[in-house]
Every structure is written in structure tokens, then in C-alpha cells.
Amino acid sequence: MRNGPGRGGPRRLLLRCAALLLAAVAAVTGVATGVATAVAAVTAAGVAFAPPAHSDSAIDTVAKQLRKNPVYVDPRVADQLTPSQAASLADRIKSANKPVFLAVLPAAPEFPAQTVLQDLRSATGVTGLYGVHVGGNFVAGADPQVMSPQAVDNLVGQVLRSSDGNTSAELDSFVNGALPQAKGVGPDSWKSHSGGIDGTGFIVAGAILVAVLAGGWLLLRRRRKAHEEQQRERLRQLRTAVDEDITAYGEELDRLDFRPDDPASDDAMRGDYAQGLDAYERAKALLAAARRPEDVEPVTRTLEEGRFALATLDARRAGKPLPERRPPCFFDPRHGPSVRDVSWTPPGGTARDVPACAADAARIADGESPLTRTVDTAHGPQPYWNAGPAYAPYAGGYFGGGLLPGLLAGTLLGGSLFGPGYGYGDVYPGDGTPAPEGGDYTGSDFDPGDFGGPGGDAGGGFSDPGGGSFG
């Protein structure tokens, strides 16, 4: 005899609620972490590997699933990315709350290589950064307010160099590089498809809520402690570098051999020298008082001002024209004020003009490498612009907010500087109204020519990291 609707349904619901409560408690206490992870993976996989609906086109099917979950894997290529791998990527994207979308698709007529990105972005209708592995190739594109075309190019180039064609490694590398740089937030539709309980499960839902709140409080404490530890470590790194810069500046003062009471000295020279000495003392005091990484920025700004004062003093003593107020040498700010701009290309990036001192400008003109300022990192000595976001205050004090992102675009440090605080405000359309940010639903109302990323031009090579935008 078959059970009626009123007999089997509540029992199944209670079992489901009990399972949810068990997973929540396990997440807080850590007793059943493996079980909770497995449940999450299966749940996410149920979305990511959903079979196509017969009433939709293939692109519509992918778009529909991406509005529910940031990762989609076509069942025909399920061997390229396992359910647990897809769930892990989706969890990371959701945790970061960034508008990053991933799709693994077969090489098939319904996914044409030259238009799959624009088609998918149009069908999904959500402003964001899209990465697609289709057939044996990887391609990515982004709305400009989420990531610039140059940043997308550099990110894809890094992915292709590090993944060796492995889909999981490819997407993992893409997510690692995308989450710190992508602007905006994930769409609300991801939250609305996280599962739920109907009215008959309120009691169980209350217990889950208590467990989740307790777990959230513990997680918040752990994150706060981890953040404080990260800030202390960044400040420690910065102290070492800036202390070296202060020492080098002090040695430069000693080499001046300037005596204010010398009959050849005038008031202007004495003023320059006093300003240089004051900068030295202020820099030492500011570094001693620094408690956060951002407290280092005034230190390097003070050193930059002091070095310009010393350069002015040197010109007065030599009877030369006073130096132009220019930023310091990009390659090593300890070299003092720059004399002109030179063309420089970072590894894997594009050429840009940067300020250089006379010695480094001459080296570059002779085809030699400039003398760069290196700092210690976990991977050994690196140029300061390739040492990560910890050195943003260090560089910001020397070069100022408005200039620096343009100099460092496409470098490791440059990715941490793109924001309103460094002269890169919101992107606005032609009518003066704010453009949709990452995660906003725009439907197909976007300009494919602005949807930046490689792989769009027919002659550019589908995986070419230098492919530019989809014009």
C-alpha cells in the first residue's frame, strides 16, 4: 500500500532537517568535518553538474546554472573536474563574495569558440569576470568595472604558464589570481539558491541558527586574530625594508660633508640641509611609532621629501639649475629624484613609461638592466613591486596615490592598488550614471567590445593571453 502525501512527506522533512542540524553542529565543533564537507560537495555538485534542460539552448542552460552557482561543469566533460573540486572552487568564490564565474564545456557546435564568452555573459546577464575551459583551451573576459582588460590578459597568461593544460590546476590558478583583483560582489541569486527549510522546520531551523551564530562568532574571532597576525607580519616586513632605506639616507647625509657655518654656504643651502636633517629624524620617529602597515606610508613620503631637499642642496653647491620636482627613481627610490621617464616592461606585462634616475636611464639606453630595489620574501629576494600587497604603503609613500597604479599595472603589487584610494574610481557610462558593479544583473545590456579578455579575435589564437578585448 502506498503512503499518502501526509504520511511520508513530514517524516522525510524531519530527516532532512536533522541532517542539516547535524552538519551545522559538526561545522562548529569540528567533530564531523569530513562528513560536512562531503555533504557540501554533493550539494554543490548537484547544481554544477545539473543536466541540460531540453527547453533551453546549451548556453541558456549554462547561464541558468551560473546564476545559481559560480561553477558549472557540462556532464560530457565531468571527468575534467570532479564534484569535490567544483564544490571547493564554488565555496572559495562564494566566501570571497566576488563576481567570478567558471564553466567547463566540451568542444561542441553549441559552444562556438569565438563567441562563447560573449554569448555566456549575455545569457547570464550578470556583471562579472568569466573564465571558460572549452575543449582544450581556456579563455576569460570581464566587464571593465570588475577587471581591466590588461589585468585579464595578465591573469590568463599566468594561468596558461602554470597549469600545463590540467583543468583543475588551470581553474584553481585562475581563482587564486582573480579573487584579490576582481571588484564588486557576487550576485544575490547565489544566496537564494543555498537551500532552505519550509515552515514545518522552524524549530530545527532555530537550533541551526544558534549553532551557526556560535560558529560565526568563533570564526569571526579566528579571522580577527588571523588578520591581526597578518598585519603584524606585514609591518615586520615593512620595518626591515624601510629601516634599510632610512639607514641609506643617513649615509647619504654623512657623505654630503656640508658645514652650515662654511662661508661658502648661504641661507638657501642651510635651509635645504635643515630640511634634509629634519626628514631623517622624522622618518625614524614615524617608523618607531608605526603600529599598522599603512603607518609606513608617511615614512617613505618623508624620505622622498628629504632626498629632494638634498638634491636641491647639491645643485646649489655646484652652481647648477635647481632640479625639477619629480617622483623618485622607480627602480630604486633610494637613488633619489628621477631625471626623465623611460620605457619599461615588467616580465609578462606591457610597456609603460616610468621615472628613472640618470644612472638607470643610461643603463636602459645601453640595453642593460636597471639596479632594482629588492626586498626579502618567502620566495627569496624580489623587486619591491613584485613582493605582494604588503609593500603597497612602502611604494605609495614614495610615488603618491594617483601615479602608482599606472606604473605598476600588471605587476603583483599593482593588483592590490587598483581602487578609488589610488586614483582609480568607479567606471561610469557615457550618461554620467554609475555603471553596474560586479554581481549586478544587467541582462544583455552590455557592450561586448568592453568585455575585456583574451581569445576574442579570430586571428589571435583562442588561448593567446595577449588577445585584448572582444571588439
Protein backbone atom coordinates (compact mmCIF):
# COMPACT_ATOMS: atom_id res chain seq x y z
CA MET A 1 0.00 0.00 0.00
CA ARG A 2 1.43 3.43 -0.98
CA ASN A 3 1.74 6.20 1.61
CA GLY A 4 -0.35 9.29 1.06
CA PRO A 5 1.15 12.78 0.89
CA GLY A 6 0.54 13.39 4.60
CA ARG A 7 2.41 10.35 5.86
CA GLY A 8 5.80 10.15 4.13
CA GLY A 9 6.41 13.88 3.50
CA PRO A 10 6.81 15.18 7.10
CA ARG A 11 8.99 12.24 8.04
CA ARG A 12 11.33 12.90 5.14
CA LEU A 13 11.37 16.59 6.00
CA LEU A 14 12.32 15.91 9.62
CA LEU A 15 15.11 13.61 8.47
CA ARG A 16 16.40 16.34 6.16
CA CYS A 17 16.22 18.93 8.97
CA ALA A 18 18.02 16.61 11.35
CA ALA A 19 20.75 16.12 8.77
CA LEU A 20 21.10 19.88 8.37
CA LEU A 21 21.35 20.34 12.15
CA LEU A 22 24.00 17.62 12.35
CA ALA A 23 26.01 19.31 9.59
CA ALA A 24 25.76 22.71 11.32
CA VAL A 25 26.84 21.36 14.70
CA ALA A 26 29.63 19.38 13.05
CA ALA A 27 30.86 22.54 11.33
CA VAL A 28 31.06 24.34 14.70
CA THR A 29 32.62 21.57 16.81
CA GLY A 30 34.79 20.07 14.07
CA VAL A 31 33.66 16.54 15.01
CA ALA A 32 32.34 15.65 11.58
CA THR A 33 34.21 17.99 9.31
CA GLY A 34 34.73 15.32 6.70
CA VAL A 35 31.03 14.46 6.63
CA ALA A 36 30.00 18.10 6.34
CA THR A 37 32.47 18.64 3.53
CA ALA A 38 31.18 15.63 1.66
CA VAL A 39 27.58 16.81 2.02
CA ALA A 40 28.56 20.27 0.77
CA ALA A 41 30.41 18.78 -2.17
CA VAL A 42 27.49 16.62 -3.22
CA THR A 43 25.09 19.54 -2.85
CA ALA A 44 27.24 21.85 -4.92
CA ALA A 45 27.85 19.16 -7.48
CA GLY A 46 24.13 18.71 -7.87
CA VAL A 47 24.00 22.24 -9.15
CA ALA A 48 27.28 22.39 -11.01
CA PHE A 49 26.65 19.12 -12.87
CA ALA A 50 22.95 19.64 -13.49
CA PRO A 51 21.76 18.02 -16.76
CA PRO A 52 20.66 20.38 -19.51
CA ALA A 53 17.00 21.30 -19.83
CA HIS A 54 15.51 20.34 -23.17
CA SER A 55 13.59 23.62 -23.49
CA ASP A 56 16.72 25.78 -23.25
CA SER A 57 19.66 26.25 -25.56
CA ALA A 58 23.01 24.97 -24.34
CA ILE A 59 24.22 28.48 -23.48
CA ASP A 60 20.94 29.22 -21.66
CA THR A 61 21.41 26.08 -19.59
CA VAL A 62 24.90 27.08 -18.53
CA ALA A 63 23.77 30.64 -17.79
CA LYS A 64 20.84 29.43 -15.69
CA GLN A 65 23.15 27.27 -13.56
CA LEU A 66 25.74 30.05 -13.16
CA ARG A 67 23.05 32.33 -11.75
CA LYS A 68 22.60 29.69 -9.04
CA ASN A 69 26.21 28.64 -8.51
CA PRO A 70 29.55 30.14 -9.63
CA VAL A 71 30.87 26.88 -11.12
CA TYR A 72 29.28 24.83 -13.91
CA VAL A 73 30.62 21.60 -15.43
CA ASP A 74 28.96 20.11 -18.51
CA PRO A 75 28.14 16.42 -17.87
CA ARG A 76 30.01 15.47 -21.06
CA VAL A 77 33.32 16.67 -19.59
CA ALA A 78 32.67 15.73 -15.97
CA ASP A 79 35.97 13.82 -15.93
CA GLN A 80 37.89 17.11 -16.20
CA LEU A 81 36.68 18.49 -12.86
CA THR A 82 35.35 16.28 -10.06
CA PRO A 83 32.33 17.26 -7.94
CA SER A 84 34.54 17.91 -4.91
CA GLN A 85 36.88 20.11 -6.94
CA ALA A 86 33.94 22.06 -8.37
CA ALA A 87 32.45 22.45 -4.89
CA SER A 88 35.76 23.66 -3.47
CA LEU A 89 36.10 26.33 -6.17
CA ALA A 90 32.48 27.42 -5.69
CA ASP A 91 32.94 27.67 -1.92
CA ARG A 92 36.02 29.84 -2.30
CA ILE A 93 34.29 32.20 -4.72
CA LYS A 94 31.19 32.48 -2.52
CA SER A 95 33.29 33.00 0.61
CA ALA A 96 35.15 35.85 -1.08
CA ASN A 97 31.80 37.17 -2.40
CA LYS A 98 33.31 38.12 -5.75
CA PRO A 99 31.51 38.01 -9.16
CA VAL A 100 33.70 35.27 -10.63
CA PHE A 101 32.08 32.65 -12.90
CA LEU A 102 33.65 29.38 -14.13
CA ALA A 103 32.42 26.95 -16.78
CA VAL A 104 33.93 23.72 -18.11
CA LEU A 105 32.45 22.96 -21.53
CA PRO A 106 33.08 20.46 -24.31
CA ALA A 107 34.29 21.44 -27.77
CA ALA A 108 30.88 21.36 -29.43
CA PRO A 109 28.98 23.38 -32.06
CA GLU A 110 26.68 24.82 -29.41
CA PHE A 111 29.73 26.45 -27.77
CA PRO A 112 31.46 28.30 -30.64
CA ALA A 113 34.99 29.21 -29.64
CA GLN A 114 34.97 32.77 -30.94
CA THR A 115 31.74 33.87 -29.26
CA VAL A 116 31.26 31.58 -26.25
CA LEU A 117 32.32 34.28 -23.75
CA GLN A 118 30.05 37.00 -25.12
CA ASP A 119 27.19 34.51 -25.51
CA LEU A 120 27.59 33.28 -21.95
CA ARG A 121 27.90 36.78 -20.47
CA SER A 122 24.81 37.94 -22.39
CA ALA A 123 22.74 34.90 -21.40
CA THR A 124 23.77 35.03 -17.74
CA GLY A 125 23.17 38.76 -17.58
CA VAL A 126 25.40 39.36 -14.57
CA THR A 127 28.32 41.80 -14.48
CA GLY A 128 31.46 39.88 -13.61
CA LEU A 129 34.63 38.03 -14.56
CA TYR A 130 34.07 34.84 -16.60
CA GLY A 131 36.57 32.02 -17.09
CA VAL A 132 35.72 29.22 -19.52
CA HIS A 133 37.59 25.99 -20.25
CA VAL A 134 36.17 24.79 -23.55
CA GLY A 135 37.63 21.82 -25.33
CA GLY A 136 41.35 22.02 -24.69
CA ASN A 137 41.51 25.81 -24.32
CA PHE A 138 41.00 28.39 -21.61
CA VAL A 139 39.62 31.88 -22.18
CA ALA A 140 38.46 34.67 -19.87
CA GLY A 141 36.73 38.02 -20.09
CA ALA A 142 35.42 40.66 -17.71
CA ASP A 143 33.26 43.74 -17.59
CA PRO A 144 35.73 46.66 -17.23
CA GLN A 145 34.29 47.76 -13.89
CA VAL A 146 35.17 44.32 -12.50
CA MET A 147 38.65 43.93 -14.02
CA SER A 148 40.54 45.86 -16.66
CA PRO A 149 41.36 44.15 -19.99
CA GLN A 150 45.08 44.40 -19.23
CA ALA A 151 44.60 42.69 -15.86
CA VAL A 152 42.57 39.92 -17.53
CA ASP A 153 45.31 39.45 -20.12
CA ASN A 154 47.98 39.17 -17.46
CA LEU A 155 45.88 36.80 -15.35
CA VAL A 156 45.18 34.45 -18.26
CA GLY A 157 48.85 34.49 -19.24
CA GLN A 158 49.79 33.46 -15.72
CA VAL A 159 47.18 30.67 -15.75
CA LEU A 160 48.38 29.26 -19.06
CA ARG A 161 52.00 29.30 -17.94
CA SER A 162 51.34 27.48 -14.66
CA SER A 163 48.60 24.93 -15.38
CA ASP A 164 50.18 22.64 -18.04
CA GLY A 165 46.73 22.01 -19.52
CA ASN A 166 45.30 20.47 -16.33
CA THR A 167 41.76 21.78 -15.97
CA SER A 168 41.68 21.67 -12.16
CA ALA A 169 45.05 23.41 -11.84
CA GLU A 170 44.00 25.90 -14.50
CA LEU A 171 40.81 26.95 -12.72
CA ASP A 172 42.49 26.89 -9.33
CA SER A 173 45.20 29.26 -10.59
CA PHE A 174 42.57 31.47 -12.20
CA VAL A 175 40.57 31.75 -8.96
CA ASN A 176 43.73 32.41 -6.93
CA GLY A 177 44.60 35.35 -9.15
CA ALA A 178 41.05 36.60 -9.71
CA LEU A 179 39.70 36.86 -6.16
CA PRO A 180 42.18 39.50 -4.89
CA GLN A 181 41.73 41.67 -8.01
CA ALA A 182 38.06 41.39 -9.02
CA LYS A 183 35.86 44.28 -7.93
CA GLY A 184 32.22 44.14 -6.89
CA VAL A 185 30.32 41.38 -5.11
CA GLY A 186 28.67 38.09 -6.04
CA PRO A 187 25.06 38.11 -7.25
CA ASP A 188 22.25 37.78 -4.73
CA SER A 189 20.91 34.81 -6.70
CA TRP A 190 23.76 32.67 -5.32
CA LYS A 191 22.42 33.25 -1.83
CA SER A 192 18.83 32.50 -2.81
CA HIS A 193 19.82 29.03 -4.08
CA SER A 194 21.68 27.95 -0.97
CA GLY A 195 18.86 25.70 0.16
CA GLY A 196 16.25 26.27 2.88
CA ILE A 197 13.58 24.83 5.20
CA ASP A 198 9.84 25.28 4.91
CA GLY A 199 7.51 26.29 7.73
CA THR A 200 7.37 22.88 9.41
CA GLY A 201 11.10 23.01 10.20
CA PHE A 202 11.19 26.25 12.22
CA ILE A 203 12.20 24.57 15.48
CA VAL A 204 15.07 22.75 13.85
CA ALA A 205 15.97 25.93 11.94
CA GLY A 206 16.18 27.78 15.26
CA ALA A 207 18.64 25.22 16.59
CA ILE A 208 20.66 25.53 13.40
CA LEU A 209 20.63 29.31 13.72
CA VAL A 210 22.01 29.15 17.27
CA ALA A 211 24.75 26.77 16.15
CA VAL A 212 25.57 28.93 13.15
CA LEU A 213 25.71 32.11 15.28
CA ALA A 214 28.02 30.42 17.75
CA GLY A 215 30.18 29.15 14.91
CA GLY A 216 30.13 32.58 13.28
CA TRP A 217 31.32 34.20 16.49
CA LEU A 218 34.18 31.74 16.79
CA LEU A 219 35.01 32.17 13.12
CA LEU A 220 34.97 35.95 13.50
CA ARG A 221 37.40 35.71 16.41
CA ARG A 222 39.70 33.43 14.45
CA ARG A 223 39.57 35.71 11.42
CA ARG A 224 40.25 38.79 13.53
CA LYS A 225 43.23 37.11 15.18
CA ALA A 226 44.47 35.89 11.80
CA HIS A 227 44.08 39.41 10.37
CA GLU A 228 45.96 40.93 13.28
CA GLU A 229 48.74 38.39 12.87
CA GLN A 230 48.88 39.10 9.14
CA GLN A 231 49.10 42.84 9.83
CA ARG A 232 51.93 42.30 12.34
CA GLU A 233 53.84 40.17 9.82
CA ARG A 234 53.37 42.77 7.06
CA LEU A 235 54.55 45.52 9.39
CA ARG A 236 57.59 43.42 10.32
CA GLN A 237 58.49 43.04 6.63
CA LEU A 238 57.99 46.75 6.03
CA ARG A 239 60.04 47.76 9.06
CA THR A 240 63.01 45.82 7.74
CA ALA A 241 62.82 47.41 4.29
CA VAL A 242 62.12 50.95 5.49
CA ASP A 243 64.82 50.77 8.16
CA GLU A 244 67.27 49.91 5.39
CA ASP A 245 66.05 52.95 3.42
CA ILE A 246 66.48 55.22 6.47
CA THR A 247 69.99 53.89 7.01
CA ALA A 248 70.88 54.52 3.35
CA TYR A 249 69.50 58.06 3.67
CA GLY A 250 71.58 58.69 6.79
CA GLU A 251 74.70 57.53 4.97
CA GLU A 252 73.85 59.92 2.15
CA LEU A 253 73.67 62.76 4.68
CA ASP A 254 77.10 61.83 6.03
CA ARG A 255 78.63 61.86 2.54
CA LEU A 256 77.45 65.44 1.92
CA ASP A 257 80.27 66.93 4.01
CA PHE A 258 78.23 70.13 4.32
CA ARG A 259 79.02 72.65 7.05
CA PRO A 260 76.34 75.31 7.66
CA ASP A 261 78.99 77.67 9.09
CA ASP A 262 81.14 77.49 5.96
CA PRO A 263 81.48 80.99 4.40
CA ALA A 264 80.51 79.47 1.03
CA SER A 265 77.12 78.40 2.44
CA ASP A 266 74.12 80.68 2.09
CA ASP A 267 70.71 80.69 3.74
CA ALA A 268 69.08 78.70 0.92
CA MET A 269 71.68 75.93 1.28
CA ARG A 270 71.30 75.91 5.05
CA GLY A 271 67.52 75.66 4.61
CA ASP A 272 67.86 72.68 2.29
CA TYR A 273 70.26 70.98 4.68
CA ALA A 274 67.98 71.62 7.67
CA GLN A 275 65.06 70.14 5.74
CA GLY A 276 67.15 67.07 4.92
CA LEU A 277 68.17 66.57 8.56
CA ASP A 278 64.60 67.08 9.74
CA ALA A 279 63.37 64.44 7.26
CA TYR A 280 65.87 61.96 8.67
CA GLU A 281 64.74 62.48 12.27
CA ARG A 282 61.04 62.50 11.37
CA ALA A 283 61.35 59.28 9.35
CA LYS A 284 63.00 57.49 12.30
CA ALA A 285 60.31 58.73 14.71
CA LEU A 286 57.45 57.79 12.38
CA LEU A 287 58.80 54.27 11.87
CA ALA A 288 59.24 53.78 15.61
CA ALA A 289 55.60 54.83 16.16
CA ALA A 290 54.17 52.68 13.33
CA ARG A 291 51.59 50.16 14.53
CA ARG A 292 49.93 49.22 11.22
CA PRO A 293 51.31 48.62 7.72
CA GLU A 294 49.67 51.81 6.43
CA ASP A 295 51.63 53.83 9.04
CA VAL A 296 54.72 53.22 6.90
CA GLU A 297 53.48 55.38 4.02
CA PRO A 298 54.29 58.70 5.78
CA VAL A 299 57.80 57.38 6.47
CA THR A 300 58.71 56.81 2.82
CA ARG A 301 56.96 60.06 1.85
CA THR A 302 59.21 61.88 4.34
CA LEU A 303 62.31 60.17 2.90
CA GLU A 304 61.28 61.21 -0.61
CA GLU A 305 60.91 64.84 0.51
CA GLY A 306 64.29 64.71 2.24
CA ARG A 307 66.08 63.31 -0.81
CA PHE A 308 64.65 66.07 -2.99
CA ALA A 309 65.93 68.64 -0.49
CA LEU A 310 69.40 67.07 -0.67
CA ALA A 311 69.29 67.05 -4.47
CA THR A 312 68.39 70.76 -4.38
CA LEU A 313 71.26 71.44 -1.98
CA ASP A 314 73.68 69.57 -4.24
CA ALA A 315 72.58 71.68 -7.25
CA ARG A 316 73.03 74.95 -5.31
CA ARG A 317 76.54 73.98 -4.18
CA ALA A 318 77.54 73.02 -7.73
CA GLY A 319 76.02 76.14 -9.26
CA LYS A 320 73.68 74.04 -11.43
CA PRO A 321 69.99 74.67 -12.25
CA LEU A 322 67.70 73.52 -9.46
CA PRO A 323 66.17 70.08 -10.09
CA GLU A 324 62.61 69.68 -11.31
CA ARG A 325 60.19 68.34 -8.71
CA ARG A 326 59.78 64.80 -9.99
CA PRO A 327 58.98 61.44 -8.40
CA PRO A 328 61.89 59.29 -7.25
CA CYS A 329 63.55 56.66 -9.40
CA PHE A 330 61.01 53.88 -9.92
CA PHE A 331 63.58 51.10 -9.91
CA ASP A 332 65.02 52.09 -6.53
CA PRO A 333 63.61 55.15 -4.71
CA ARG A 334 66.88 55.36 -2.76
CA HIS A 335 68.51 56.61 -5.98
CA GLY A 336 66.78 59.95 -5.39
CA PRO A 337 64.65 62.09 -7.74
CA SER A 338 64.22 60.88 -11.31
CA VAL A 339 65.50 62.91 -14.25
CA ARG A 340 63.27 61.58 -17.04
CA ASP A 341 60.80 58.84 -17.97
CA VAL A 342 61.95 55.64 -19.69
CA SER A 343 60.03 52.79 -21.29
CA TRP A 344 59.97 49.67 -19.10
CA THR A 345 58.23 46.31 -19.49
CA PRO A 346 57.72 44.06 -16.45
CA PRO A 347 58.06 40.30 -17.02
CA GLY A 348 54.86 39.09 -18.64
CA GLY A 349 53.41 42.62 -18.81
CA THR A 350 53.19 45.51 -21.25
CA ALA A 351 55.48 48.50 -21.73
CA ARG A 352 54.85 51.68 -19.77
CA ASP A 353 56.83 54.87 -19.02
CA VAL A 354 58.36 55.04 -15.54
CA PRO A 355 60.54 57.71 -13.88
CA ALA A 356 64.24 56.81 -13.68
CA CYS A 357 67.39 58.34 -12.24
CA ALA A 358 70.19 59.31 -14.63
CA ALA A 359 72.20 56.12 -13.95
CA ASP A 360 69.29 53.72 -14.54
CA ALA A 361 68.13 55.67 -17.60
CA ALA A 362 71.62 55.25 -19.06
CA ARG A 363 71.65 51.53 -18.27
CA ILE A 364 68.34 51.00 -20.04
CA ALA A 365 69.51 53.05 -23.04
CA ASP A 366 72.54 50.72 -23.25
CA GLY A 367 70.31 47.63 -23.14
CA GLU A 368 71.27 46.76 -19.56
CA SER A 369 69.02 46.03 -16.59
CA PRO A 370 68.44 48.83 -14.05
CA LEU A 371 69.58 48.46 -10.44
CA THR A 372 66.34 47.50 -8.72
CA ARG A 373 65.31 47.71 -5.08
CA THR A 374 64.82 44.15 -3.85
CA VAL A 375 63.19 43.06 -0.59
CA ASP A 376 63.10 39.75 1.24
CA THR A 377 60.08 37.50 0.63
CA ALA A 378 59.16 33.87 1.30
CA HIS A 379 60.39 33.14 -2.24
CA GLY A 380 63.70 34.93 -1.81
CA PRO A 381 64.69 38.48 -2.80
CA GLN A 382 62.19 40.13 -5.15
CA PRO A 383 61.77 43.63 -6.62
CA TYR A 384 59.50 45.58 -4.27
CA TRP A 385 56.81 45.80 -6.97
CA ASN A 386 56.70 42.01 -7.16
CA ALA A 387 56.67 41.34 -3.40
CA GLY A 388 52.90 41.43 -2.86
CA PRO A 389 50.38 43.82 -1.28
CA ALA A 390 52.39 44.20 1.95
CA TYR A 391 54.57 46.73 0.13
CA ALA A 392 51.72 48.95 -1.08
CA PRO A 393 52.29 51.53 1.73
CA TYR A 394 56.03 51.48 1.01
CA ALA A 395 55.53 52.33 -2.66
CA GLY A 396 52.57 54.64 -2.01
CA GLY A 397 54.63 56.99 0.15
CA TYR A 398 57.34 57.34 -2.48
CA PHE A 399 55.14 57.80 -5.53
CA GLY A 400 51.76 59.07 -4.34
CA GLY A 401 48.35 57.51 -4.90
CA GLY A 402 47.43 58.88 -8.32
CA LEU A 403 50.65 57.89 -10.10
CA LEU A 404 51.38 54.43 -8.74
CA PRO A 405 48.67 52.14 -10.24
CA GLY A 406 49.61 53.21 -13.76
CA LEU A 407 53.27 52.40 -13.10
CA LEU A 408 52.50 49.01 -11.56
CA ALA A 409 49.61 47.80 -13.74
CA GLY A 410 50.01 44.08 -14.34
CA THR A 411 52.55 43.52 -11.54
CA LEU A 412 51.88 41.60 -8.32
CA LEU A 413 51.82 44.78 -6.24
CA GLY A 414 49.79 46.64 -8.87
CA GLY A 415 46.85 44.25 -8.40
CA SER A 416 46.43 45.50 -4.82
CA LEU A 417 46.42 49.18 -5.79
CA PHE A 418 43.53 49.39 -8.26
CA GLY A 419 40.87 51.20 -6.29
CA PRO A 420 39.45 54.66 -5.51
CA GLY A 421 42.14 55.21 -2.87
CA TYR A 422 44.80 55.22 -5.57
CA GLY A 423 43.08 57.31 -8.20
CA TYR A 424 41.01 54.59 -9.90
CA GLY A 425 37.41 55.44 -9.15
CA ASP A 426 34.22 53.81 -10.35
CA VAL A 427 33.67 53.24 -14.06
CA TYR A 428 30.84 55.36 -15.46
CA PRO A 429 28.95 55.05 -18.73
CA GLY A 430 28.53 57.96 -21.09
CA ASP A 431 25.37 59.33 -19.50
CA GLY A 432 27.12 60.04 -16.19
CA THR A 433 25.23 57.45 -14.10
CA PRO A 434 27.18 54.87 -12.10
CA ALA A 435 27.89 51.70 -14.04
CA PRO A 436 26.68 48.35 -12.68
CA GLU A 437 29.27 46.83 -10.38
CA GLY A 438 30.26 43.19 -10.22
CA GLY A 439 27.35 40.91 -9.44
CA ASP A 440 24.64 43.30 -10.68
CA TYR A 441 22.11 41.90 -13.11
CA THR A 442 22.24 43.74 -16.43
CA GLY A 443 20.73 41.21 -18.78
CA SER A 444 22.25 41.52 -22.25
CA ASP A 445 22.67 45.30 -21.80
CA PHE A 446 26.46 45.42 -22.02
CA ASP A 447 28.98 46.32 -24.67
CA PRO A 448 30.81 43.20 -25.93
CA GLY A 449 33.60 45.50 -27.08
CA ASP A 450 34.25 46.45 -23.45
CA PHE A 451 34.10 42.88 -22.20
CA GLY A 452 37.85 42.59 -21.78
CA GLY A 453 39.97 39.50 -22.07
CA PRO A 454 41.91 37.32 -24.49
CA GLY A 455 40.69 34.98 -27.16
CA GLY A 456 38.10 37.06 -28.96
CA ASP A 457 39.77 37.95 -32.23
CA ALA A 458 39.58 35.37 -34.96
CA GLY A 459 43.26 35.60 -35.78
CA GLY A 460 44.55 36.00 -32.23
CA GLY A 461 44.59 32.41 -31.06
CA PHE A 462 41.89 31.21 -28.68
CA SER A 463 44.19 30.98 -25.65
CA ASP A 464 46.54 33.83 -26.51
CA PRO A 465 46.99 35.91 -23.34
CA GLY A 466 47.58 38.97 -25.47
CA GLY A 467 44.30 38.78 -27.33
CA GLY A 468 42.95 42.03 -25.97
CA SER A 469 39.23 42.74 -25.76
CA PHE A 470 36.24 41.42 -27.65
CA GLY A 471 35.92 44.29 -30.14
